[in-house]
All heavy atoms as atom14 arrays in JSON, in Angstrom:
{
  "sequence": "NPKYVLRNYMAQMAIDKATQGDLSLIDELYDLLRDPYAEQPDRE",
  "atom14_mask": [
    [1, 1, 1, 1, 1, 1, 1, 1, 0, 0, 0, 0, 0, 0],
    [1, 1, 1, 1, 1, 1, 1, 0, 0, 0, 0, 0, 0, 0],
    [1, 1, 1, 1, 1, 1, 1, 1, 1, 0, 0, 0, 0, 0],
    [1, 1, 1, 1, 1, 1, 1, 1, 1, 1, 1, 1, 0, 0],
    [1, 1, 1, 1, 1, 1, 1, 0, 0, 0, 0, 0, 0, 0],
    [1, 1, 1, 1, 1, 1, 1, 1, 0, 0, 0, 0, 0, 0],
    [1, 1, 1, 1, 1, 1, 1, 1, 1, 1, 1, 0, 0, 0],
    [1, 1, 1, 1, 1, 1, 1, 1, 0, 0, 0, 0, 0, 0],
    [1, 1, 1, 1, 1, 1, 1, 1, 1, 1, 1, 1, 0, 0],
    [1, 1, 1, 1, 1, 1, 1, 1, 0, 0, 0, 0, 0, 0],
    [1, 1, 1, 1, 1, 0, 0, 0, 0, 0, 0, 0, 0, 0],
    [1, 1, 1, 1, 1, 1, 1, 1, 1, 0, 0, 0, 0, 0],
    [1, 1, 1, 1, 1, 1, 1, 1, 0, 0, 0, 0, 0, 0],
    [1, 1, 1, 1, 1, 0, 0, 0, 0, 0, 0, 0, 0, 0],
    [1, 1, 1, 1, 1, 1, 1, 1, 0, 0, 0, 0, 0, 0],
    [1, 1, 1, 1, 1, 1, 1, 1, 0, 0, 0, 0, 0, 0],
    [1, 1, 1, 1, 1, 1, 1, 1, 1, 0, 0, 0, 0, 0],
    [1, 1, 1, 1, 1, 0, 0, 0, 0, 0, 0, 0, 0, 0],
    [1, 1, 1, 1, 1, 1, 1, 0, 0, 0, 0, 0, 0, 0],
    [1, 1, 1, 1, 1, 1, 1, 1, 1, 0, 0, 0, 0, 0],
    [1, 1, 1, 1, 0, 0, 0, 0, 0, 0, 0, 0, 0, 0],
    [1, 1, 1, 1, 1, 1, 1, 1, 0, 0, 0, 0, 0, 0],
    [1, 1, 1, 1, 1, 1, 1, 1, 0, 0, 0, 0, 0, 0],
    [1, 1, 1, 1, 1, 1, 0, 0, 0, 0, 0, 0, 0, 0],
    [1, 1, 1, 1, 1, 1, 1, 1, 0, 0, 0, 0, 0, 0],
    [1, 1, 1, 1, 1, 1, 1, 1, 0, 0, 0, 0, 0, 0],
    [1, 1, 1, 1, 1, 1, 1, 1, 0, 0, 0, 0, 0, 0],
    [1, 1, 1, 1, 1, 1, 1, 1, 1, 0, 0, 0, 0, 0],
    [1, 1, 1, 1, 1, 1, 1, 1, 0, 0, 0, 0, 0, 0],
    [1, 1, 1, 1, 1, 1, 1, 1, 1, 1, 1, 1, 0, 0],
    [1, 1, 1, 1, 1, 1, 1, 1, 0, 0, 0, 0, 0, 0],
    [1, 1, 1, 1, 1, 1, 1, 1, 0, 0, 0, 0, 0, 0],
    [1, 1, 1, 1, 1, 1, 1, 1, 0, 0, 0, 0, 0, 0],
    [1, 1, 1, 1, 1, 1, 1, 1, 1, 1, 1, 0, 0, 0],
    [1, 1, 1, 1, 1, 1, 1, 1, 0, 0, 0, 0, 0, 0],
    [1, 1, 1, 1, 1, 1, 1, 0, 0, 0, 0, 0, 0, 0],
    [1, 1, 1, 1, 1, 1, 1, 1, 1, 1, 1, 1, 0, 0],
    [1, 1, 1, 1, 1, 0, 0, 0, 0, 0, 0, 0, 0, 0],
    [1, 1, 1, 1, 1, 1, 1, 1, 1, 0, 0, 0, 0, 0],
    [1, 1, 1, 1, 1, 1, 1, 1, 1, 0, 0, 0, 0, 0],
    [1, 1, 1, 1, 1, 1, 1, 0, 0, 0, 0, 0, 0, 0],
    [1, 1, 1, 1, 1, 1, 1, 1, 0, 0, 0, 0, 0, 0],
    [1, 1, 1, 1, 1, 1, 1, 1, 1, 1, 1, 0, 0, 0],
    [1, 1, 1, 1, 1, 1, 1, 1, 1, 0, 0, 0, 0, 0]
  ],
  "atom14_positions": [
    [[164.28, 134.33, 132.76], [163.02, 135.0, 132.31], [162.74, 134.64, 130.86], [163.4, 135.2, 129.99], [163.1, 136.44, 132.44], [163.14, 136.9, 133.92], [162.48, 136.4, 134.76], [164.12, 137.87, 134.18], [0.0, 0.0, 0.0], [0.0, 0.0, 0.0], [0.0, 0.0, 0.0], [0.0, 0.0, 0.0], [0.0, 0.0, 0.0], [0.0, 0.0, 0.0]],
    [[161.86, 133.62, 130.58], [161.65, 133.19, 129.24], [161.06, 134.33, 128.33], [160.36, 135.22, 128.81], [160.69, 132.1, 129.34], [159.91, 132.32, 130.63], [160.98, 133.01, 131.55], [0.0, 0.0, 0.0], [0.0, 0.0, 0.0], [0.0, 0.0, 0.0], [0.0, 0.0, 0.0], [0.0, 0.0, 0.0], [0.0, 0.0, 0.0], [0.0, 0.0, 0.0]],
    [[161.41, 134.31, 127.1], [160.8, 135.21, 126.12], [159.51, 134.59, 125.59], [158.57, 135.37, 125.26], [161.77, 135.48, 124.92], [161.19, 136.47, 123.96], [162.24, 137.1, 123.09], [161.58, 138.17, 122.23], [162.57, 138.85, 121.34], [0.0, 0.0, 0.0], [0.0, 0.0, 0.0], [0.0, 0.0, 0.0], [0.0, 0.0, 0.0], [0.0, 0.0, 0.0]],
    [[159.45, 133.29, 125.54], [158.2, 132.65, 124.96], [157.65, 131.62, 125.91], [158.38, 130.79, 126.48], [158.58, 131.96, 123.62], [159.19, 132.88, 122.62], [160.49, 132.87, 122.34], [158.36, 133.79, 121.99], [161.08, 133.73, 121.38], [158.89, 134.69, 121.02], [160.28, 134.64, 120.76], [160.77, 135.5, 119.85], [0.0, 0.0, 0.0], [0.0, 0.0, 0.0]],
    [[156.36, 131.7, 126.19], [155.62, 130.68, 126.96], [154.46, 130.31, 126.1], [154.01, 131.03, 125.21], [155.28, 131.13, 128.39], [156.42, 131.4, 129.22], [154.35, 132.38, 128.33], [0.0, 0.0, 0.0], [0.0, 0.0, 0.0], [0.0, 0.0, 0.0], [0.0, 0.0, 0.0], [0.0, 0.0, 0.0], [0.0, 0.0, 0.0], [0.0, 0.0, 0.0]],
    [[153.82, 129.12, 126.48], [152.66, 128.7, 125.76], [151.34, 129.4, 126.33], [150.59, 128.85, 127.04], [152.47, 127.19, 125.9], [151.27, 126.57, 125.08], [151.51, 126.82, 123.58], [151.18, 125.14, 125.37], [0.0, 0.0, 0.0], [0.0, 0.0, 0.0], [0.0, 0.0, 0.0], [0.0, 0.0, 0.0], [0.0, 0.0, 0.0], [0.0, 0.0, 0.0]],
    [[151.19, 130.66, 125.86], [149.95, 131.36, 126.28], [148.78, 130.65, 125.78], [148.76, 130.02, 124.73], [150.03, 132.78, 125.69], [151.21, 133.65, 126.14], [151.28, 134.94, 125.42], [152.46, 135.68, 125.77], [152.46, 136.7, 126.65], [151.34, 137.02, 127.31], [153.52, 137.41, 126.95], [0.0, 0.0, 0.0], [0.0, 0.0, 0.0], [0.0, 0.0, 0.0]],
    [[147.66, 130.76, 126.53], [146.51, 129.94, 126.21], [145.97, 130.31, 124.84], [145.46, 129.42, 124.13], [145.41, 130.23, 127.21], [145.52, 129.29, 128.49], [146.35, 128.43, 128.43], [144.77, 129.56, 129.54], [0.0, 0.0, 0.0], [0.0, 0.0, 0.0], [0.0, 0.0, 0.0], [0.0, 0.0, 0.0], [0.0, 0.0, 0.0], [0.0, 0.0, 0.0]],
    [[146.02, 131.56, 124.43], [145.46, 131.84, 123.12], [146.33, 131.25, 122.0], [145.77, 130.9, 120.89], [145.39, 133.39, 122.94], [146.67, 134.04, 122.46], [146.95, 134.13, 121.08], [147.58, 134.62, 123.36], [148.14, 134.79, 120.64], [148.73, 135.22, 122.94], [149.0, 135.36, 121.58], [150.17, 135.9, 121.15], [0.0, 0.0, 0.0], [0.0, 0.0, 0.0]],
    [[147.66, 131.02, 122.26], [148.45, 130.36, 121.26], [148.03, 128.92, 121.09], [147.85, 128.37, 119.97], [149.9, 130.44, 121.64], [150.39, 131.86, 121.67], [151.97, 132.0, 122.61], [153.14, 131.0, 121.78], [0.0, 0.0, 0.0], [0.0, 0.0, 0.0], [0.0, 0.0, 0.0], [0.0, 0.0, 0.0], [0.0, 0.0, 0.0], [0.0, 0.0, 0.0]],
    [[147.77, 128.24, 122.19], [147.34, 126.82, 122.14], [145.99, 126.76, 121.43], [145.76, 125.85, 120.66], [147.27, 126.26, 123.55], [0.0, 0.0, 0.0], [0.0, 0.0, 0.0], [0.0, 0.0, 0.0], [0.0, 0.0, 0.0], [0.0, 0.0, 0.0], [0.0, 0.0, 0.0], [0.0, 0.0, 0.0], [0.0, 0.0, 0.0], [0.0, 0.0, 0.0]],
    [[145.09, 127.71, 121.74], [143.79, 127.69, 121.15], [143.85, 127.92, 119.62], [143.09, 127.29, 118.95], [142.87, 128.75, 121.8], [141.43, 128.64, 121.38], [140.79, 127.32, 121.72], [140.95, 126.85, 122.85], [140.02, 126.69, 120.81], [0.0, 0.0, 0.0], [0.0, 0.0, 0.0], [0.0, 0.0, 0.0], [0.0, 0.0, 0.0], [0.0, 0.0, 0.0]],
    [[144.79, 128.77, 119.17], [144.94, 128.92, 117.73], [145.36, 127.63, 117.12], [144.85, 127.24, 116.01], [145.89, 130.02, 117.47], [145.43, 131.44, 117.8], [146.73, 132.7, 117.66], [147.04, 132.62, 115.85], [0.0, 0.0, 0.0], [0.0, 0.0, 0.0], [0.0, 0.0, 0.0], [0.0, 0.0, 0.0], [0.0, 0.0, 0.0], [0.0, 0.0, 0.0]],
    [[146.2, 126.91, 117.74], [146.67, 125.62, 117.18], [145.53, 124.66, 117.21], [145.44, 123.82, 116.25], [147.84, 125.12, 117.99], [0.0, 0.0, 0.0], [0.0, 0.0, 0.0], [0.0, 0.0, 0.0], [0.0, 0.0, 0.0], [0.0, 0.0, 0.0], [0.0, 0.0, 0.0], [0.0, 0.0, 0.0], [0.0, 0.0, 0.0], [0.0, 0.0, 0.0]],
    [[144.69, 124.61, 118.27], [143.53, 123.7, 118.31], [142.61, 124.08, 117.19], [142.15, 123.14, 116.46], [142.84, 123.9, 119.62], [143.73, 123.38, 120.8], [141.46, 123.17, 119.66], [143.25, 123.73, 122.19], [0.0, 0.0, 0.0], [0.0, 0.0, 0.0], [0.0, 0.0, 0.0], [0.0, 0.0, 0.0], [0.0, 0.0, 0.0], [0.0, 0.0, 0.0]],
    [[142.25, 125.28, 116.95], [141.34, 125.66, 115.91], [141.84, 125.25, 114.58], [141.04, 124.7, 113.77], [141.11, 127.18, 115.96], [140.38, 127.71, 117.18], [139.77, 126.85, 117.84], [140.42, 128.89, 117.5], [0.0, 0.0, 0.0], [0.0, 0.0, 0.0], [0.0, 0.0, 0.0], [0.0, 0.0, 0.0], [0.0, 0.0, 0.0], [0.0, 0.0, 0.0]],
    [[143.15, 125.45, 114.29], [143.68, 125.04, 113.0], [143.69, 123.5, 112.82], [143.34, 122.97, 111.77], [145.09, 125.64, 112.82], [145.11, 127.13, 112.4], [146.53, 127.54, 112.2], [146.62, 128.94, 111.58], [146.15, 128.99, 110.24], [0.0, 0.0, 0.0], [0.0, 0.0, 0.0], [0.0, 0.0, 0.0], [0.0, 0.0, 0.0], [0.0, 0.0, 0.0]],
    [[144.09, 122.83, 113.96], [144.22, 121.39, 113.84], [142.85, 120.74, 113.65], [142.69, 119.75, 112.96], [144.93, 120.82, 115.12], [0.0, 0.0, 0.0], [0.0, 0.0, 0.0], [0.0, 0.0, 0.0], [0.0, 0.0, 0.0], [0.0, 0.0, 0.0], [0.0, 0.0, 0.0], [0.0, 0.0, 0.0], [0.0, 0.0, 0.0], [0.0, 0.0, 0.0]],
    [[141.81, 121.34, 114.24], [140.41, 120.86, 114.11], [140.02, 120.87, 112.58], [139.17, 120.07, 112.14], [139.46, 121.68, 114.95], [139.9, 121.51, 116.38], [138.01, 121.12, 114.82], [0.0, 0.0, 0.0], [0.0, 0.0, 0.0], [0.0, 0.0, 0.0], [0.0, 0.0, 0.0], [0.0, 0.0, 0.0], [0.0, 0.0, 0.0], [0.0, 0.0, 0.0]],
    [[140.56, 121.91, 111.91], [140.24, 122.0, 110.44], [141.26, 121.21, 109.57], [141.23, 121.33, 108.27], [140.31, 123.46, 110.02], [139.34, 124.39, 110.81], [137.9, 123.88, 110.61], [137.52, 123.59, 109.47], [137.1, 123.86, 111.64], [0.0, 0.0, 0.0], [0.0, 0.0, 0.0], [0.0, 0.0, 0.0], [0.0, 0.0, 0.0], [0.0, 0.0, 0.0]],
    [[142.17, 120.48, 110.22], [143.07, 119.64, 109.49], [144.42, 120.31, 109.13], [145.27, 119.72, 108.49], [0.0, 0.0, 0.0], [0.0, 0.0, 0.0], [0.0, 0.0, 0.0], [0.0, 0.0, 0.0], [0.0, 0.0, 0.0], [0.0, 0.0, 0.0], [0.0, 0.0, 0.0], [0.0, 0.0, 0.0], [0.0, 0.0, 0.0], [0.0, 0.0, 0.0]],
    [[144.68, 121.44, 109.7], [145.89, 122.19, 109.5], [146.84, 122.05, 110.72], [146.5, 122.59, 111.77], [145.62, 123.68, 109.29], [146.88, 124.53, 108.92], [148.05, 123.98, 109.04], [146.71, 125.74, 108.55], [0.0, 0.0, 0.0], [0.0, 0.0, 0.0], [0.0, 0.0, 0.0], [0.0, 0.0, 0.0], [0.0, 0.0, 0.0], [0.0, 0.0, 0.0]],
    [[147.91, 121.31, 110.5], [148.79, 120.98, 111.67], [149.98, 121.9, 111.74], [150.88, 121.72, 112.57], [149.3, 119.54, 111.51], [148.19, 118.45, 111.41], [148.87, 117.06, 111.33], [147.19, 118.49, 112.6], [0.0, 0.0, 0.0], [0.0, 0.0, 0.0], [0.0, 0.0, 0.0], [0.0, 0.0, 0.0], [0.0, 0.0, 0.0], [0.0, 0.0, 0.0]],
    [[150.08, 122.84, 110.83], [151.21, 123.68, 110.76], [151.54, 124.49, 112.03], [152.72, 124.64, 112.44], [151.16, 124.72, 109.62], [150.01, 125.54, 109.79], [0.0, 0.0, 0.0], [0.0, 0.0, 0.0], [0.0, 0.0, 0.0], [0.0, 0.0, 0.0], [0.0, 0.0, 0.0], [0.0, 0.0, 0.0], [0.0, 0.0, 0.0], [0.0, 0.0, 0.0]],
    [[150.49, 124.93, 112.78], [150.77, 125.68, 113.93], [151.3, 124.84, 115.14], [152.0, 125.35, 116.02], [149.57, 126.49, 114.39], [149.74, 127.65, 115.34], [150.92, 128.51, 114.91], [148.44, 128.51, 115.43], [0.0, 0.0, 0.0], [0.0, 0.0, 0.0], [0.0, 0.0, 0.0], [0.0, 0.0, 0.0], [0.0, 0.0, 0.0], [0.0, 0.0, 0.0]],
    [[150.88, 123.62, 115.09], [151.46, 122.66, 116.16], [152.95, 122.58, 115.95], [153.72, 122.76, 116.88], [150.82, 121.25, 116.02], [149.31, 121.32, 116.27], [151.49, 120.32, 117.05], [148.69, 119.98, 116.12], [0.0, 0.0, 0.0], [0.0, 0.0, 0.0], [0.0, 0.0, 0.0], [0.0, 0.0, 0.0], [0.0, 0.0, 0.0], [0.0, 0.0, 0.0]],
    [[153.37, 122.39, 114.73], [154.82, 122.3, 114.49], [155.53, 123.63, 114.77], [156.62, 123.57, 115.39], [155.02, 121.97, 112.94], [154.58, 120.65, 112.58], [154.5, 119.73, 113.39], [154.11, 120.39, 111.42], [0.0, 0.0, 0.0], [0.0, 0.0, 0.0], [0.0, 0.0, 0.0], [0.0, 0.0, 0.0], [0.0, 0.0, 0.0], [0.0, 0.0, 0.0]],
    [[154.92, 124.71, 114.4], [155.58, 126.01, 114.7], [155.74, 126.27, 116.13], [156.79, 126.75, 116.58], [154.75, 127.17, 113.98], [155.37, 128.51, 114.22], [154.58, 129.62, 113.5], [153.75, 129.31, 112.63], [154.85, 130.82, 113.78], [0.0, 0.0, 0.0], [0.0, 0.0, 0.0], [0.0, 0.0, 0.0], [0.0, 0.0, 0.0], [0.0, 0.0, 0.0]],
    [[154.69, 126.07, 116.93], [154.72, 126.35, 118.34], [155.67, 125.35, 119.03], [156.41, 125.76, 119.99], [153.34, 126.24, 118.94], [152.39, 127.38, 118.55], [151.02, 127.16, 119.24], [152.96, 128.76, 118.89], [0.0, 0.0, 0.0], [0.0, 0.0, 0.0], [0.0, 0.0, 0.0], [0.0, 0.0, 0.0], [0.0, 0.0, 0.0], [0.0, 0.0, 0.0]],
    [[155.65, 124.13, 118.62], [156.6, 123.18, 119.18], [158.04, 123.62, 119.01], [158.82, 123.63, 119.97], [156.29, 121.81, 118.59], [157.27, 120.71, 119.07], [157.13, 120.08, 120.32], [158.33, 120.36, 118.23], [158.02, 119.15, 120.72], [159.26, 119.35, 118.7], [159.09, 118.74, 119.9], [159.98, 117.8, 120.29], [0.0, 0.0, 0.0], [0.0, 0.0, 0.0]],
    [[158.36, 124.0, 117.81], [159.71, 124.48, 117.53], [160.09, 125.77, 118.39], [161.14, 125.85, 118.86], [159.94, 124.71, 116.06], [160.0, 123.44, 115.23], [160.2, 122.39, 115.9], [159.79, 123.5, 114.02], [0.0, 0.0, 0.0], [0.0, 0.0, 0.0], [0.0, 0.0, 0.0], [0.0, 0.0, 0.0], [0.0, 0.0, 0.0], [0.0, 0.0, 0.0]],
    [[159.09, 126.68, 118.37], [159.35, 127.86, 119.18], [159.66, 127.6, 120.64], [160.56, 128.16, 121.2], [158.06, 128.74, 119.12], [158.0, 130.0, 119.98], [158.75, 131.12, 119.37], [156.5, 130.4, 120.14], [0.0, 0.0, 0.0], [0.0, 0.0, 0.0], [0.0, 0.0, 0.0], [0.0, 0.0, 0.0], [0.0, 0.0, 0.0], [0.0, 0.0, 0.0]],
    [[158.87, 126.71, 121.21], [158.92, 126.5, 122.6], [160.09, 125.58, 123.01], [160.36, 125.4, 124.28], [157.59, 125.9, 123.15], [156.37, 126.89, 122.92], [155.06, 126.19, 123.13], [156.6, 128.06, 123.92], [0.0, 0.0, 0.0], [0.0, 0.0, 0.0], [0.0, 0.0, 0.0], [0.0, 0.0, 0.0], [0.0, 0.0, 0.0], [0.0, 0.0, 0.0]],
    [[160.78, 125.0, 122.11], [161.97, 124.22, 122.34], [163.1, 125.09, 122.72], [164.1, 124.63, 123.38], [162.39, 123.37, 121.14], [161.49, 122.11, 120.94], [161.78, 121.53, 119.62], [163.17, 121.17, 119.44], [163.78, 120.09, 120.02], [163.06, 119.2, 120.71], [165.12, 119.89, 119.8], [0.0, 0.0, 0.0], [0.0, 0.0, 0.0], [0.0, 0.0, 0.0]],
    [[163.08, 126.42, 122.56], [164.16, 127.37, 122.88], [163.61, 128.57, 123.44], [163.75, 129.7, 122.88], [165.0, 127.63, 121.58], [166.4, 128.03, 121.9], [166.77, 128.09, 123.16], [167.16, 128.27, 120.99], [0.0, 0.0, 0.0], [0.0, 0.0, 0.0], [0.0, 0.0, 0.0], [0.0, 0.0, 0.0], [0.0, 0.0, 0.0], [0.0, 0.0, 0.0]],
    [[162.9, 128.51, 124.55], [162.1, 129.66, 125.03], [162.87, 130.86, 125.55], [162.3, 131.93, 125.71], [161.28, 129.02, 126.15], [162.09, 127.87, 126.67], [162.76, 127.38, 125.43], [0.0, 0.0, 0.0], [0.0, 0.0, 0.0], [0.0, 0.0, 0.0], [0.0, 0.0, 0.0], [0.0, 0.0, 0.0], [0.0, 0.0, 0.0], [0.0, 0.0, 0.0]],
    [[164.14, 130.65, 125.88], [164.99, 131.8, 126.4], [165.73, 132.57, 125.32], [166.36, 133.55, 125.62], [165.94, 131.23, 127.47], [165.19, 130.66, 128.69], [165.01, 129.24, 128.77], [164.75, 131.47, 129.66], [164.38, 128.66, 129.89], [164.01, 130.86, 130.73], [163.88, 129.55, 130.86], [163.23, 129.03, 131.92], [0.0, 0.0, 0.0], [0.0, 0.0, 0.0]],
    [[165.69, 131.98, 124.16], [166.53, 132.54, 123.03], [165.74, 133.64, 122.29], [164.53, 133.64, 122.24], [166.99, 131.48, 122.09], [0.0, 0.0, 0.0], [0.0, 0.0, 0.0], [0.0, 0.0, 0.0], [0.0, 0.0, 0.0], [0.0, 0.0, 0.0], [0.0, 0.0, 0.0], [0.0, 0.0, 0.0], [0.0, 0.0, 0.0], [0.0, 0.0, 0.0]],
    [[166.54, 134.57, 121.74], [165.92, 135.48, 120.8], [165.68, 134.74, 119.46], [166.6, 134.03, 118.98], [166.88, 136.67, 120.52], [167.16, 137.58, 121.73], [165.98, 138.33, 122.19], [165.06, 138.62, 121.4], [165.93, 138.63, 123.46], [0.0, 0.0, 0.0], [0.0, 0.0, 0.0], [0.0, 0.0, 0.0], [0.0, 0.0, 0.0], [0.0, 0.0, 0.0]],
    [[164.46, 134.9, 118.98], [164.1, 134.15, 117.75], [163.44, 135.26, 116.82], [162.28, 135.35, 116.76], [163.15, 133.08, 117.95], [163.63, 131.96, 118.91], [162.77, 130.72, 119.08], [162.24, 130.24, 118.07], [162.52, 130.31, 120.28], [0.0, 0.0, 0.0], [0.0, 0.0, 0.0], [0.0, 0.0, 0.0], [0.0, 0.0, 0.0], [0.0, 0.0, 0.0]],
    [[164.36, 135.96, 116.16], [163.88, 137.17, 115.43], [162.72, 136.83, 114.38], [161.87, 137.63, 114.15], [165.12, 137.66, 114.64], [166.26, 137.14, 115.53], [165.81, 135.82, 116.06], [0.0, 0.0, 0.0], [0.0, 0.0, 0.0], [0.0, 0.0, 0.0], [0.0, 0.0, 0.0], [0.0, 0.0, 0.0], [0.0, 0.0, 0.0], [0.0, 0.0, 0.0]],
    [[162.73, 135.67, 113.73], [161.73, 135.34, 112.74], [160.44, 134.88, 113.43], [159.44, 134.66, 112.72], [162.25, 134.19, 111.86], [162.67, 132.99, 112.62], [163.05, 133.06, 113.81], [162.73, 131.91, 112.0], [0.0, 0.0, 0.0], [0.0, 0.0, 0.0], [0.0, 0.0, 0.0], [0.0, 0.0, 0.0], [0.0, 0.0, 0.0], [0.0, 0.0, 0.0]],
    [[160.4, 134.86, 114.81], [159.18, 134.46, 115.44], [158.77, 135.51, 116.48], [158.05, 135.26, 117.45], [159.37, 133.14, 116.13], [159.46, 131.97, 115.16], [159.89, 130.7, 115.81], [159.9, 129.6, 114.86], [160.64, 128.48, 114.98], [161.45, 128.38, 115.98], [160.55, 127.52, 114.06], [0.0, 0.0, 0.0], [0.0, 0.0, 0.0], [0.0, 0.0, 0.0]],
    [[159.2, 136.74, 116.27], [158.93, 137.84, 117.2], [157.43, 138.11, 117.48], [157.08, 138.6, 118.52], [159.65, 139.16, 116.63], [159.75, 140.26, 117.75], [160.85, 139.96, 118.72], [161.73, 139.14, 118.49], [160.87, 140.73, 119.76], [0.0, 0.0, 0.0], [0.0, 0.0, 0.0], [0.0, 0.0, 0.0], [0.0, 0.0, 0.0], [0.0, 0.0, 0.0]]
  ]
}
């Protein structure tokens, strides 16, 4: 049972930021979703 999945609103937030030239959320979500079954306290 994963703790983290790519919910549509999360992807849309990354799209909105990337469209404005901010790629930080792509990196953050990519790192988050590389370990979806783990507890990640700093990304709660």
